[in-house]
Amino acid sequence: MTAPDLACNYPLIARFVRKVAVDYMRFGYVFYVSGMLPPNHDATKTDAKITKEYGTGASRWVRCRRKKQGLANVIYLRHGAFFVIMATPGEHPFFQKEGRIEDCRKRPLLVDQYSISLRDGKVSVRISTYEYKRVKNEFLAIALHPAKKVEAKFRSLPWLKYTPIRKQKADIFKAVSKKRRKAGLSHLSFDCIMWKTSKPKTG
């Protein structure tokens, strides 16, 4: 997925996160390098260079054959200026050429507001720690405002529908409700944070 595939904001970041988490990380692409392309950079040249250098455009059949031979597979994804190169365990020039390679089982991959990692063999998509704390403080600052205003704020949150994110959102709701309760204010409707879980489920 490169920039030409991405035409608008929210639906595309959702698609990008899902592709990273569900299509690749879940199937063993646990090593990664990520970053931002410089301003005014010709991204299409970078796309072509990485694809050629690491063979990221290999067919499914080729990837399966490489896996059986103990070789790693590598994929390259880009969302605007943000890029990530992901690899499975095994032998590959990627591991010699790239400087700082991270392991999503130890350090989550940060994509926009999201933190994507592999925990106990399950992919976990969460709101990044920084963004979670920022939004929680924002809600606590308006916790004593009229209930309808606070509920509308909860409903406006654009976060994706993964189970860990639901839990994070519920934690913010509980903190706001506790502050309102201490002030003797009316309860908030729990419906303002209800949503269906995305499929497939992530841990």
C-alpha atoms as a PDB file:
ATOM      1  CA  MET A   1       0.000   0.000   0.000  1.00  0.00           C
ATOM      2  CA  THR A   2       1.550   3.259  -1.126  1.00  0.00           C
ATOM      3  CA  ALA A   3       0.339   6.842  -1.257  1.00  0.00           C
ATOM      4  CA  PRO A   4      -1.582   6.488  -4.561  1.00  0.00           C
ATOM      5  CA  ASP A   5      -3.716   3.811  -2.880  1.00  0.00           C
ATOM      6  CA  LEU A   6      -4.685   6.223  -0.122  1.00  0.00           C
ATOM      7  CA  ALA A   7      -7.121   8.936  -1.103  1.00  0.00           C
ATOM      8  CA  CYS A   8      -8.724  10.230   2.101  1.00  0.00           C
ATOM      9  CA  ASN A   9      -7.883  10.455   5.792  1.00  0.00           C
ATOM     10  CA  TYR A  10      -9.763   8.405   8.411  1.00  0.00           C
ATOM     11  CA  PRO A  11     -10.870   5.413   6.269  1.00  0.00           C
ATOM     12  CA  LEU A  12      -7.336   5.139   4.942  1.00  0.00           C
ATOM     13  CA  ILE A  13      -5.517   5.182   8.263  1.00  0.00           C
ATOM     14  CA  ALA A  14      -8.006   2.522   9.381  1.00  0.00           C
ATOM     15  CA  ARG A  15      -7.166   0.471   6.316  1.00  0.00           C
ATOM     16  CA  PHE A  16      -3.436   0.975   6.830  1.00  0.00           C
ATOM     17  CA  VAL A  17      -3.541  -0.040  10.511  1.00  0.00           C
ATOM     18  CA  ARG A  18      -5.598  -3.110   9.673  1.00  0.00           C
ATOM     19  CA  LYS A  19      -3.181  -4.098   6.903  1.00  0.00           C
ATOM     20  CA  VAL A  20      -0.187  -3.828   9.246  1.00  0.00           C
ATOM     21  CA  ALA A  21      -1.871  -5.615  12.143  1.00  0.00           C
ATOM     22  CA  VAL A  22      -4.128  -8.214  10.549  1.00  0.00           C
ATOM     23  CA  ASP A  23      -2.549  -8.935   7.170  1.00  0.00           C
ATOM     24  CA  TYR A  24       1.100  -8.978   8.222  1.00  0.00           C
ATOM     25  CA  MET A  25       2.008  -8.744  11.906  1.00  0.00           C
ATOM     26  CA  ARG A  26      -0.482 -11.495  12.717  1.00  0.00           C
ATOM     27  CA  PHE A  27       1.322 -13.769  10.240  1.00  0.00           C
ATOM     28  CA  GLY A  28       4.837 -13.383  11.611  1.00  0.00           C
ATOM     29  CA  TYR A  29       6.073 -10.050  10.278  1.00  0.00           C
ATOM     30  CA  VAL A  30       7.436  -9.104  13.684  1.00  0.00           C
ATOM     31  CA  PHE A  31      10.587  -7.140  12.783  1.00  0.00           C
ATOM     32  CA  TYR A  32      10.319  -3.621  11.442  1.00  0.00           C
ATOM     33  CA  VAL A  33      11.884  -0.280  10.693  1.00  0.00           C
ATOM     34  CA  SER A  34       9.695   2.776  10.268  1.00  0.00           C
ATOM     35  CA  GLY A  35      10.095   6.465   9.625  1.00  0.00           C
ATOM     36  CA  MET A  36       9.032   9.537   7.686  1.00  0.00           C
ATOM     37  CA  LEU A  37      10.199  10.489   4.220  1.00  0.00           C
ATOM     38  CA  PRO A  38      11.753  13.968   3.980  1.00  0.00           C
ATOM     39  CA  PRO A  39       9.543  16.860   2.775  1.00  0.00           C
ATOM     40  CA  ASN A  40       9.325  17.202  -1.019  1.00  0.00           C
ATOM     41  CA  HIS A  41      10.855  13.748  -1.365  1.00  0.00           C
ATOM     42  CA  ASP A  42      10.016  11.703  -4.460  1.00  0.00           C
ATOM     43  CA  ALA A  43       8.229   8.876  -2.665  1.00  0.00           C
ATOM     44  CA  THR A  44       7.662   6.834  -5.805  1.00  0.00           C
ATOM     45  CA  LYS A  45      11.430   6.479  -6.301  1.00  0.00           C
ATOM     46  CA  THR A  46      11.794   5.256  -2.720  1.00  0.00           C
ATOM     47  CA  ASP A  47       8.935   2.800  -3.264  1.00  0.00           C
ATOM     48  CA  ALA A  48      10.619   1.396  -6.366  1.00  0.00           C
ATOM     49  CA  LYS A  49      14.066   1.233  -4.744  1.00  0.00           C
ATOM     50  CA  ILE A  50      12.892  -0.649  -1.626  1.00  0.00           C
ATOM     51  CA  THR A  51      10.682  -2.986  -3.648  1.00  0.00           C
ATOM     52  CA  LYS A  52      13.605  -3.918  -5.896  1.00  0.00           C
ATOM     53  CA  GLU A  53      16.238  -4.093  -3.142  1.00  0.00           C
ATOM     54  CA  TYR A  54      14.248  -6.285  -0.744  1.00  0.00           C
ATOM     55  CA  GLY A  55      11.944  -8.111  -3.155  1.00  0.00           C
ATOM     56  CA  THR A  56       8.858  -6.855  -1.344  1.00  0.00           C
ATOM     57  CA  GLY A  57       6.643  -7.527  -4.354  1.00  0.00           C
ATOM     58  CA  ALA A  58       7.162 -11.315  -4.228  1.00  0.00           C
ATOM     59  CA  SER A  59       4.138 -13.490  -4.900  1.00  0.00           C
ATOM     60  CA  ARG A  60       2.487 -15.580  -2.206  1.00  0.00           C
ATOM     61  CA  TRP A  61       3.961 -18.736  -3.743  1.00  0.00           C
ATOM     62  CA  VAL A  62       7.483 -17.282  -3.616  1.00  0.00           C
ATOM     63  CA  ARG A  63       7.004 -16.155  -0.010  1.00  0.00           C
ATOM     64  CA  CYS A  64       5.851 -19.647   1.001  1.00  0.00           C
ATOM     65  CA  ARG A  65       8.872 -21.205  -0.701  1.00  0.00           C
ATOM     66  CA  ARG A  66      11.239 -18.767   1.023  1.00  0.00           C
ATOM     67  CA  LYS A  67       9.688 -19.547   4.395  1.00  0.00           C
ATOM     68  CA  LYS A  68      10.239 -23.294   3.902  1.00  0.00           C
ATOM     69  CA  GLN A  69      13.885 -22.577   3.080  1.00  0.00           C
ATOM     70  CA  GLY A  70      14.359 -20.643   6.330  1.00  0.00           C
ATOM     71  CA  LEU A  71      14.540 -17.314   4.528  1.00  0.00           C
ATOM     72  CA  ALA A  72      12.754 -14.180   5.691  1.00  0.00           C
ATOM     73  CA  ASN A  73      10.052 -12.357   3.760  1.00  0.00           C
ATOM     74  CA  VAL A  74       9.882  -8.578   3.676  1.00  0.00           C
ATOM     75  CA  ILE A  75       7.032  -6.194   2.888  1.00  0.00           C
ATOM     76  CA  TYR A  76       6.967  -2.434   2.469  1.00  0.00           C
ATOM     77  CA  LEU A  77       3.981  -0.201   3.298  1.00  0.00           C
ATOM     78  CA  ARG A  78       3.605   3.548   3.040  1.00  0.00           C
ATOM     79  CA  HIS A  79       0.860   5.922   4.166  1.00  0.00           C
ATOM     80  CA  GLY A  80       1.682   9.368   2.847  1.00  0.00           C
ATOM     81  CA  ALA A  81       5.167  10.211   4.149  1.00  0.00           C
ATOM     82  CA  PHE A  82       5.107   7.477   6.794  1.00  0.00           C
ATOM     83  CA  PHE A  83       6.652   4.147   5.835  1.00  0.00           C
ATOM     84  CA  VAL A  84       7.284   0.792   7.467  1.00  0.00           C
ATOM     85  CA  ILE A  85       9.340  -2.178   6.300  1.00  0.00           C
ATOM     86  CA  MET A  86       8.367  -5.422   8.044  1.00  0.00           C
ATOM     87  CA  ALA A  87      10.092  -8.811   8.010  1.00  0.00           C
ATOM     88  CA  THR A  88       9.564 -12.349   9.215  1.00  0.00           C
ATOM     89  CA  PRO A  89      12.331 -14.294  11.029  1.00  0.00           C
ATOM     90  CA  GLY A  90      15.012 -15.814   8.794  1.00  0.00           C
ATOM     91  CA  GLU A  91      17.868 -14.807   6.550  1.00  0.00           C
ATOM     92  CA  HIS A  92      17.530 -11.677   4.424  1.00  0.00           C
ATOM     93  CA  PRO A  93      19.721  -8.694   3.380  1.00  0.00           C
ATOM     94  CA  PHE A  94      17.217  -6.514   5.267  1.00  0.00           C
ATOM     95  CA  PHE A  95      18.820  -7.546   8.563  1.00  0.00           C
ATOM     96  CA  GLN A  96      22.293  -6.496   7.424  1.00  0.00           C
ATOM     97  CA  LYS A  97      21.383  -3.280   5.608  1.00  0.00           C
ATOM     98  CA  GLU A  98      18.970  -1.659   8.050  1.00  0.00           C
ATOM     99  CA  GLY A  99      20.461   0.080  11.068  1.00  0.00           C
ATOM    100  CA  ARG A 100      17.957  -0.134  13.894  1.00  0.00           C
ATOM    101  CA  ILE A 101      15.481  -2.977  13.539  1.00  0.00           C
ATOM    102  CA  GLU A 102      12.735  -3.222  16.135  1.00  0.00           C
ATOM    103  CA  ASP A 103      10.754  -6.241  17.289  1.00  0.00           C
ATOM    104  CA  CYS A 104       7.006  -5.607  17.718  1.00  0.00           C
ATOM    105  CA  ARG A 105       6.960  -8.169  20.540  1.00  0.00           C
ATOM    106  CA  LYS A 106       9.227  -5.825  22.521  1.00  0.00           C
ATOM    107  CA  ARG A 107       8.526  -2.359  21.100  1.00  0.00           C
ATOM    108  CA  PRO A 108       5.135  -1.474  19.567  1.00  0.00           C
ATOM    109  CA  LEU A 109       4.992  -0.018  16.086  1.00  0.00           C
ATOM    110  CA  LEU A 110       3.525   3.488  16.256  1.00  0.00           C
ATOM    111  CA  VAL A 111       1.243   4.435  13.366  1.00  0.00           C
ATOM    112  CA  ASP A 112      -0.464   7.810  13.647  1.00  0.00           C
ATOM    113  CA  GLN A 113      -2.314   7.650  17.033  1.00  0.00           C
ATOM    114  CA  TYR A 114      -2.057   3.872  17.227  1.00  0.00           C
ATOM    115  CA  SER A 115       0.292   1.433  18.927  1.00  0.00           C
ATOM    116  CA  ILE A 116       0.472  -2.004  17.258  1.00  0.00           C
ATOM    117  CA  SER A 117       2.249  -4.909  18.919  1.00  0.00           C
ATOM    118  CA  LEU A 118       2.270  -8.670  19.327  1.00  0.00           C
ATOM    119  CA  ARG A 119       1.410  -9.824  22.860  1.00  0.00           C
ATOM    120  CA  ASP A 120       1.424 -13.513  23.743  1.00  0.00           C
ATOM    121  CA  GLY A 121       1.029 -14.374  20.098  1.00  0.00           C
ATOM    122  CA  LYS A 122      -1.917 -12.027  19.540  1.00  0.00           C
ATOM    123  CA  VAL A 123      -1.934  -8.709  17.726  1.00  0.00           C
ATOM    124  CA  SER A 124      -2.852  -5.789  19.951  1.00  0.00           C
ATOM    125  CA  VAL A 125      -4.013  -2.487  18.465  1.00  0.00           C
ATOM    126  CA  ARG A 126      -4.210   0.282  21.051  1.00  0.00           C
ATOM    127  CA  ILE A 127      -4.199   4.028  21.286  1.00  0.00           C
ATOM    128  CA  SER A 128      -0.600   5.140  21.792  1.00  0.00           C
ATOM    129  CA  THR A 129       0.344   5.963  25.393  1.00  0.00           C
ATOM    130  CA  TYR A 130       0.922   9.629  24.600  1.00  0.00           C
ATOM    131  CA  GLU A 131      -2.378  10.043  22.761  1.00  0.00           C
ATOM    132  CA  TYR A 132      -4.314   8.126  25.419  1.00  0.00           C
ATOM    133  CA  LYS A 133      -3.000  10.345  28.226  1.00  0.00           C
ATOM    134  CA  ARG A 134      -3.627  13.493  26.198  1.00  0.00           C
ATOM    135  CA  VAL A 135      -7.237  12.600  25.441  1.00  0.00           C
ATOM    136  CA  LYS A 136      -7.894  11.414  29.003  1.00  0.00           C
ATOM    137  CA  ASN A 137      -6.685  14.758  30.390  1.00  0.00           C
ATOM    138  CA  GLU A 138      -8.832  16.543  27.833  1.00  0.00           C
ATOM    139  CA  PHE A 139     -11.916  14.665  29.016  1.00  0.00           C
ATOM    140  CA  LEU A 140     -11.143  15.210  32.684  1.00  0.00           C
ATOM    141  CA  ALA A 141     -10.946  18.938  31.946  1.00  0.00           C
ATOM    142  CA  ILE A 142     -14.550  18.939  30.675  1.00  0.00           C
ATOM    143  CA  ALA A 143     -15.870  16.232  33.017  1.00  0.00           C
ATOM    144  CA  LEU A 144     -18.082  18.669  34.926  1.00  0.00           C
ATOM    145  CA  HIS A 145     -19.661  20.146  31.815  1.00  0.00           C
ATOM    146  CA  PRO A 146     -23.307  19.275  30.946  1.00  0.00           C
ATOM    147  CA  ALA A 147     -23.780  15.546  30.418  1.00  0.00           C
ATOM    148  CA  LYS A 148     -24.966  15.891  26.816  1.00  0.00           C
ATOM    149  CA  LYS A 149     -21.838  17.818  25.884  1.00  0.00           C
ATOM    150  CA  VAL A 150     -19.517  15.223  27.435  1.00  0.00           C
ATOM    151  CA  GLU A 151     -21.434  12.332  25.854  1.00  0.00           C
ATOM    152  CA  ALA A 152     -21.246  14.033  22.446  1.00  0.00           C
ATOM    153  CA  LYS A 153     -17.494  14.340  22.902  1.00  0.00           C
ATOM    154  CA  PHE A 154     -17.222  10.597  23.560  1.00  0.00           C
ATOM    155  CA  ARG A 155     -19.302   9.815  20.477  1.00  0.00           C
ATOM    156  CA  SER A 156     -17.058  11.985  18.321  1.00  0.00           C
ATOM    157  CA  LEU A 157     -13.893  10.016  19.072  1.00  0.00           C
ATOM    158  CA  PRO A 158     -12.532   8.613  15.796  1.00  0.00           C
ATOM    159  CA  TRP A 159     -10.667   5.630  17.259  1.00  0.00           C
ATOM    160  CA  LEU A 160     -10.860   2.259  15.554  1.00  0.00           C
ATOM    161  CA  LYS A 161     -13.007  -0.550  16.928  1.00  0.00           C
ATOM    162  CA  TYR A 162     -10.493  -2.961  18.418  1.00  0.00           C
ATOM    163  CA  THR A 163     -11.046  -4.585  21.818  1.00  0.00           C
ATOM    164  CA  PRO A 164      -8.036  -2.994  23.595  1.00  0.00           C
ATOM    165  CA  ILE A 165      -9.187   0.436  22.363  1.00  0.00           C
ATOM    166  CA  ARG A 166     -12.678  -0.216  23.713  1.00  0.00           C
ATOM    167  CA  LYS A 167     -11.111  -0.917  27.096  1.00  0.00           C
ATOM    168  CA  GLN A 168      -9.047   2.275  26.953  1.00  0.00           C
ATOM    169  CA  LYS A 169     -12.128   4.283  26.072  1.00  0.00           C
ATOM    170  CA  ALA A 170     -14.043   2.645  28.936  1.00  0.00           C
ATOM    171  CA  ASP A 171     -11.236   3.587  31.346  1.00  0.00           C
ATOM    172  CA  ILE A 172     -11.539   7.235  30.324  1.00  0.00           C
ATOM    173  CA  PHE A 173     -15.312   7.009  30.745  1.00  0.00           C
ATOM    174  CA  LYS A 174     -14.882   5.597  34.270  1.00  0.00           C
ATOM    175  CA  ALA A 175     -12.458   8.372  35.242  1.00  0.00           C
ATOM    176  CA  VAL A 176     -14.847  11.047  33.984  1.00  0.00           C
ATOM    177  CA  SER A 177     -17.819   9.392  35.691  1.00  0.00           C
ATOM    178  CA  LYS A 178     -15.920   9.223  38.995  1.00  0.00           C
ATOM    179  CA  LYS A 179     -15.154  12.941  38.857  1.00  0.00           C
ATOM    180  CA  ARG A 180     -18.795  13.752  38.083  1.00  0.00           C
ATOM    181  CA  ARG A 181     -19.999  11.487  40.894  1.00  0.00           C
ATOM    182  CA  LYS A 182     -17.777  13.242  43.440  1.00  0.00           C
ATOM    183  CA  ALA A 183     -19.189  16.573  42.282  1.00  0.00           C
ATOM    184  CA  GLY A 184     -22.760  15.304  42.661  1.00  0.00           C
ATOM    185  CA  LEU A 185     -23.539  15.609  38.935  1.00  0.00           C
ATOM    186  CA  SER A 186     -25.776  13.424  36.792  1.00  0.00           C
ATOM    187  CA  HIS A 187     -24.510  10.123  35.382  1.00  0.00           C
ATOM    188  CA  LEU A 188     -23.371   9.788  31.800  1.00  0.00           C
ATOM    189  CA  SER A 189     -25.039   7.295  29.491  1.00  0.00           C
ATOM    190  CA  PHE A 190     -22.752   4.328  28.871  1.00  0.00           C
ATOM    191  CA  ASP A 191     -24.263   4.144  25.372  1.00  0.00           C
ATOM    192  CA  CYS A 192     -22.001   6.988  24.282  1.00  0.00           C
ATOM    193  CA  ILE A 193     -19.009   4.618  24.201  1.00  0.00           C
ATOM    194  CA  MET A 194     -20.741   1.479  22.946  1.00  0.00           C
ATOM    195  CA  TRP A 195     -19.700  -0.053  19.624  1.00  0.00           C
ATOM    196  CA  LYS A 196     -19.330  -3.436  17.980  1.00  0.00           C
ATOM    197  CA  THR A 197     -15.952  -5.147  17.987  1.00  0.00           C
ATOM    198  CA  SER A 198     -14.036  -5.229  14.706  1.00  0.00           C
ATOM    199  CA  LYS A 199     -13.381  -8.639  13.194  1.00  0.00           C
ATOM    200  CA  PRO A 200     -11.139 -10.518  13.354  1.00  0.00           C
ATOM    201  CA  LYS A 201     -10.654  -9.904  17.082  1.00  0.00           C
ATOM    202  CA  THR A 202      -7.267  -8.786  18.338  1.00  0.00           C
ATOM    203  CA  GLY A 203      -5.866  -9.218  21.803  1.00  0.00           C
END
